Amino acid sequence: MSVTPETRICPFQPRRRQASQMHRPPGAVSAPPCVPLGRVPRVARLLALALRCEQLVAAGVIANYAALADLGHVSRARVTQIIEKAS
């Protein structure tokens, strides 16, 4: 029993751009995209946390990453993971 390939013909009509998208006057600014309110992505939160932690250590508010780990009730390894995300 042999299988022969089939050929299917499907109609295809490419979508055309609207005239307003094709010819924009120079200097025209489009409206910013509408961003839905909701949760901030986890990677963004971790990056912000890492940057803030680095600022606190650099400013001398917190002595070192070990003190930061104690303050945050996490392990030193976890602080290292968070800080490395920002690098």
N, C-alpha and C. Protein backbone atom coordinates (compact mmCIF):
# COMPACT_ATOMS: atom_id res chain seq x y z
N MET A 1 0.84 -1.16 0.00
CA MET A 1 0.00 0.00 0.00
C MET A 1 0.89 1.24 0.00
N SER A 2 0.80 2.05 -1.02
CA SER A 2 1.62 3.25 -1.11
C SER A 2 0.76 4.49 -0.88
N VAL A 3 1.39 5.47 -0.33
CA VAL A 3 0.70 6.72 -0.05
C VAL A 3 1.17 7.76 -1.05
N THR A 4 0.23 8.38 -1.72
CA THR A 4 0.59 9.42 -2.68
C THR A 4 0.33 10.78 -2.05
N PRO A 5 1.21 11.73 -2.28
CA PRO A 5 1.02 13.06 -1.70
C PRO A 5 -0.19 13.75 -2.34
N GLU A 6 -0.86 14.55 -1.54
CA GLU A 6 -2.00 15.31 -2.03
C GLU A 6 -1.60 16.76 -2.23
N THR A 7 -2.21 17.39 -3.17
CA THR A 7 -2.02 18.82 -3.37
C THR A 7 -3.33 19.50 -3.09
N ARG A 8 -3.27 20.46 -2.21
CA ARG A 8 -4.47 21.21 -1.88
C ARG A 8 -4.28 22.65 -2.33
N ILE A 9 -5.30 23.18 -2.93
CA ILE A 9 -5.26 24.56 -3.38
C ILE A 9 -6.22 25.36 -2.51
N CYS A 10 -5.67 26.38 -1.85
CA CYS A 10 -6.45 27.23 -0.96
C CYS A 10 -6.35 28.66 -1.45
N PRO A 11 -7.46 29.38 -1.46
CA PRO A 11 -7.38 30.78 -1.87
C PRO A 11 -6.62 31.60 -0.82
N PHE A 12 -5.80 32.52 -1.26
CA PHE A 12 -5.02 33.37 -0.37
C PHE A 12 -5.06 34.78 -0.89
N GLN A 13 -5.47 35.69 -0.06
CA GLN A 13 -5.47 37.10 -0.43
C GLN A 13 -4.74 37.87 0.67
N PRO A 14 -3.56 38.40 0.36
CA PRO A 14 -2.81 39.13 1.39
C PRO A 14 -3.57 40.39 1.80
N ARG A 15 -3.43 40.72 3.07
CA ARG A 15 -4.08 41.92 3.58
C ARG A 15 -3.28 43.15 3.16
N ARG A 16 -3.99 44.16 2.78
CA ARG A 16 -3.33 45.41 2.40
C ARG A 16 -3.32 46.35 3.60
N ARG A 17 -2.29 47.13 3.66
CA ARG A 17 -2.21 48.13 4.72
C ARG A 17 -3.22 49.23 4.47
N GLN A 18 -3.66 49.81 5.56
CA GLN A 18 -4.55 50.95 5.43
C GLN A 18 -3.76 52.15 4.96
N ALA A 19 -4.40 53.06 4.29
CA ALA A 19 -3.72 54.23 3.74
C ALA A 19 -3.05 55.04 4.84
N SER A 20 -3.65 55.08 6.05
CA SER A 20 -3.06 55.88 7.12
C SER A 20 -1.74 55.29 7.61
N GLN A 21 -1.55 53.99 7.45
CA GLN A 21 -0.30 53.35 7.87
C GLN A 21 0.78 53.47 6.81
N MET A 22 0.39 53.62 5.57
CA MET A 22 1.36 53.64 4.49
C MET A 22 2.05 54.99 4.36
N HIS A 23 1.31 56.07 4.49
CA HIS A 23 1.87 57.41 4.27
C HIS A 23 1.62 58.28 5.48
N ARG A 24 2.60 58.28 6.38
CA ARG A 24 2.51 59.16 7.54
C ARG A 24 3.34 60.39 7.27
N PRO A 25 2.80 61.54 7.63
CA PRO A 25 3.61 62.75 7.44
C PRO A 25 4.82 62.72 8.36
N PRO A 26 5.93 63.32 7.95
CA PRO A 26 7.13 63.33 8.79
C PRO A 26 6.84 64.05 10.12
N GLY A 27 7.33 63.47 11.19
CA GLY A 27 7.16 64.05 12.51
C GLY A 27 5.85 63.66 13.18
N ALA A 28 5.03 62.88 12.48
CA ALA A 28 3.76 62.46 13.09
C ALA A 28 4.04 61.42 14.15
N VAL A 29 3.37 61.54 15.26
CA VAL A 29 3.56 60.63 16.37
C VAL A 29 2.28 59.83 16.55
N SER A 30 2.43 58.52 16.61
CA SER A 30 1.25 57.69 16.83
C SER A 30 0.96 57.63 18.32
N ALA A 31 -0.26 57.29 18.64
CA ALA A 31 -0.66 57.19 20.05
C ALA A 31 0.08 56.03 20.69
N PRO A 32 0.47 56.16 21.96
CA PRO A 32 1.17 55.06 22.63
C PRO A 32 0.23 53.86 22.75
N PRO A 33 0.78 52.66 22.73
CA PRO A 33 -0.07 51.47 22.85
C PRO A 33 -0.75 51.43 24.20
N CYS A 34 -1.93 50.92 24.21
CA CYS A 34 -2.70 50.81 25.45
C CYS A 34 -2.15 49.63 26.25
N VAL A 35 -1.63 49.89 27.43
CA VAL A 35 -1.06 48.85 28.27
C VAL A 35 -2.09 48.45 29.32
N PRO A 36 -2.46 47.18 29.34
CA PRO A 36 -3.46 46.77 30.33
C PRO A 36 -2.87 46.81 31.73
N LEU A 37 -3.70 47.19 32.68
CA LEU A 37 -3.28 47.20 34.06
C LEU A 37 -3.29 45.77 34.58
N GLY A 38 -2.38 45.46 35.43
CA GLY A 38 -2.32 44.11 35.96
C GLY A 38 -0.99 43.87 36.64
N ARG A 39 -0.59 42.62 36.66
CA ARG A 39 0.64 42.25 37.34
C ARG A 39 1.86 42.64 36.52
N VAL A 40 2.89 43.04 37.24
CA VAL A 40 4.17 43.33 36.61
C VAL A 40 4.89 41.99 36.45
N PRO A 41 5.51 41.74 35.29
CA PRO A 41 6.20 40.47 35.10
C PRO A 41 7.26 40.23 36.17
N ARG A 42 7.44 38.98 36.52
CA ARG A 42 8.35 38.61 37.61
C ARG A 42 9.78 39.05 37.33
N VAL A 43 10.22 38.90 36.10
CA VAL A 43 11.60 39.28 35.78
C VAL A 43 11.80 40.78 35.98
N ALA A 44 10.77 41.58 35.70
CA ALA A 44 10.88 43.03 35.91
C ALA A 44 10.97 43.36 37.39
N ARG A 45 10.20 42.65 38.20
CA ARG A 45 10.25 42.87 39.65
C ARG A 45 11.60 42.48 40.22
N LEU A 46 12.16 41.35 39.75
CA LEU A 46 13.47 40.92 40.24
C LEU A 46 14.57 41.88 39.81
N LEU A 47 14.47 42.39 38.61
CA LEU A 47 15.47 43.34 38.14
C LEU A 47 15.42 44.62 38.97
N ALA A 48 14.22 45.11 39.25
CA ALA A 48 14.09 46.31 40.09
C ALA A 48 14.63 46.06 41.49
N LEU A 49 14.35 44.87 42.04
CA LEU A 49 14.86 44.52 43.37
C LEU A 49 16.39 44.47 43.36
N ALA A 50 16.95 43.87 42.33
CA ALA A 50 18.42 43.75 42.26
C ALA A 50 19.06 45.13 42.16
N LEU A 51 18.50 46.00 41.35
CA LEU A 51 19.07 47.34 41.21
C LEU A 51 18.97 48.11 42.53
N ARG A 52 17.86 47.98 43.21
CA ARG A 52 17.69 48.67 44.50
C ARG A 52 18.67 48.14 45.54
N CYS A 53 18.86 46.84 45.56
CA CYS A 53 19.81 46.24 46.51
C CYS A 53 21.23 46.72 46.24
N GLU A 54 21.61 46.77 44.97
CA GLU A 54 22.94 47.26 44.62
C GLU A 54 23.12 48.72 45.04
N GLN A 55 22.06 49.53 44.87
CA GLN A 55 22.14 50.93 45.29
C GLN A 55 22.33 51.05 46.80
N LEU A 56 21.62 50.23 47.56
CA LEU A 56 21.74 50.29 49.02
C LEU A 56 23.13 49.91 49.50
N VAL A 57 23.71 48.89 48.87
CA VAL A 57 25.07 48.47 49.25
C VAL A 57 26.08 49.52 48.81
N ALA A 58 25.93 50.06 47.60
CA ALA A 58 26.87 51.06 47.09
C ALA A 58 26.83 52.35 47.93
N ALA A 59 25.64 52.70 48.41
CA ALA A 59 25.51 53.93 49.21
C ALA A 59 25.94 53.73 50.66
N GLY A 60 26.19 52.49 51.06
CA GLY A 60 26.62 52.22 52.42
C GLY A 60 25.48 52.10 53.42
N VAL A 61 24.25 52.09 52.93
CA VAL A 61 23.10 51.93 53.82
C VAL A 61 23.11 50.53 54.42
N ILE A 62 23.49 49.56 53.60
CA ILE A 62 23.64 48.17 54.05
C ILE A 62 25.11 47.79 53.84
N ALA A 63 25.71 47.16 54.83
CA ALA A 63 27.15 46.90 54.80
C ALA A 63 27.58 46.00 53.64
N ASN A 64 26.88 44.89 53.45
CA ASN A 64 27.27 43.94 52.41
C ASN A 64 26.08 43.04 52.08
N TYR A 65 26.30 42.12 51.14
CA TYR A 65 25.21 41.24 50.70
C TYR A 65 24.80 40.25 51.79
N ALA A 66 25.70 39.91 52.68
CA ALA A 66 25.34 39.02 53.79
C ALA A 66 24.33 39.70 54.71
N ALA A 67 24.56 40.98 54.99
CA ALA A 67 23.61 41.74 55.81
C ALA A 67 22.28 41.89 55.08
N LEU A 68 22.35 42.06 53.79
CA LEU A 68 21.14 42.15 52.98
C LEU A 68 20.34 40.86 53.04
N ALA A 69 21.03 39.73 53.00
CA ALA A 69 20.36 38.42 53.09
C ALA A 69 19.68 38.27 54.44
N ASP A 70 20.36 38.66 55.49
CA ASP A 70 19.76 38.59 56.83
C ASP A 70 18.54 39.49 56.93
N LEU A 71 18.65 40.69 56.39
CA LEU A 71 17.55 41.64 56.43
C LEU A 71 16.33 41.14 55.65
N GLY A 72 16.59 40.48 54.52
CA GLY A 72 15.51 39.99 53.67
C GLY A 72 15.01 38.61 54.04
N HIS A 73 15.62 37.98 55.05
CA HIS A 73 15.26 36.62 55.47
C HIS A 73 15.38 35.61 54.33
N VAL A 74 16.47 35.76 53.57
CA VAL A 74 16.77 34.81 52.50
C VAL A 74 18.23 34.38 52.65
N SER A 75 18.60 33.37 51.89
CA SER A 75 19.98 32.89 51.97
C SER A 75 20.91 33.81 51.18
N ARG A 76 22.19 33.70 51.48
CA ARG A 76 23.18 34.48 50.73
C ARG A 76 23.19 34.07 49.26
N ALA A 77 22.96 32.79 49.02
CA ALA A 77 22.93 32.30 47.64
C ALA A 77 21.79 32.95 46.86
N ARG A 78 20.63 33.12 47.51
CA ARG A 78 19.50 33.75 46.83
C ARG A 78 19.78 35.21 46.52
N VAL A 79 20.44 35.91 47.43
CA VAL A 79 20.81 37.30 47.16
C VAL A 79 21.76 37.35 45.96
N THR A 80 22.70 36.44 45.91
CA THR A 80 23.62 36.37 44.77
C THR A 80 22.86 36.14 43.47
N GLN A 81 21.88 35.25 43.48
CA GLN A 81 21.08 35.00 42.28
C GLN A 81 20.35 36.25 41.84
N ILE A 82 19.77 36.96 42.78
CA ILE A 82 19.02 38.17 42.45
C ILE A 82 19.94 39.24 41.90
N ILE A 83 21.09 39.43 42.53
CA ILE A 83 22.03 40.45 42.09
C ILE A 83 22.58 40.12 40.71
N GLU A 84 22.83 38.85 40.44
CA GLU A 84 23.37 38.45 39.13
C GLU A 84 22.37 38.68 38.02
N LYS A 85 21.09 38.72 38.32
CA LYS A 85 20.06 39.00 37.29
C LYS A 85 20.26 40.40 36.72
N ALA A 86 20.71 41.32 37.55
CA ALA A 86 20.87 42.71 37.09
C ALA A 86 22.16 42.90 36.31
N SER A 87 23.09 42.02 36.46
CA SER A 87 24.38 42.20 35.79
C SER A 87 24.36 41.76 34.36
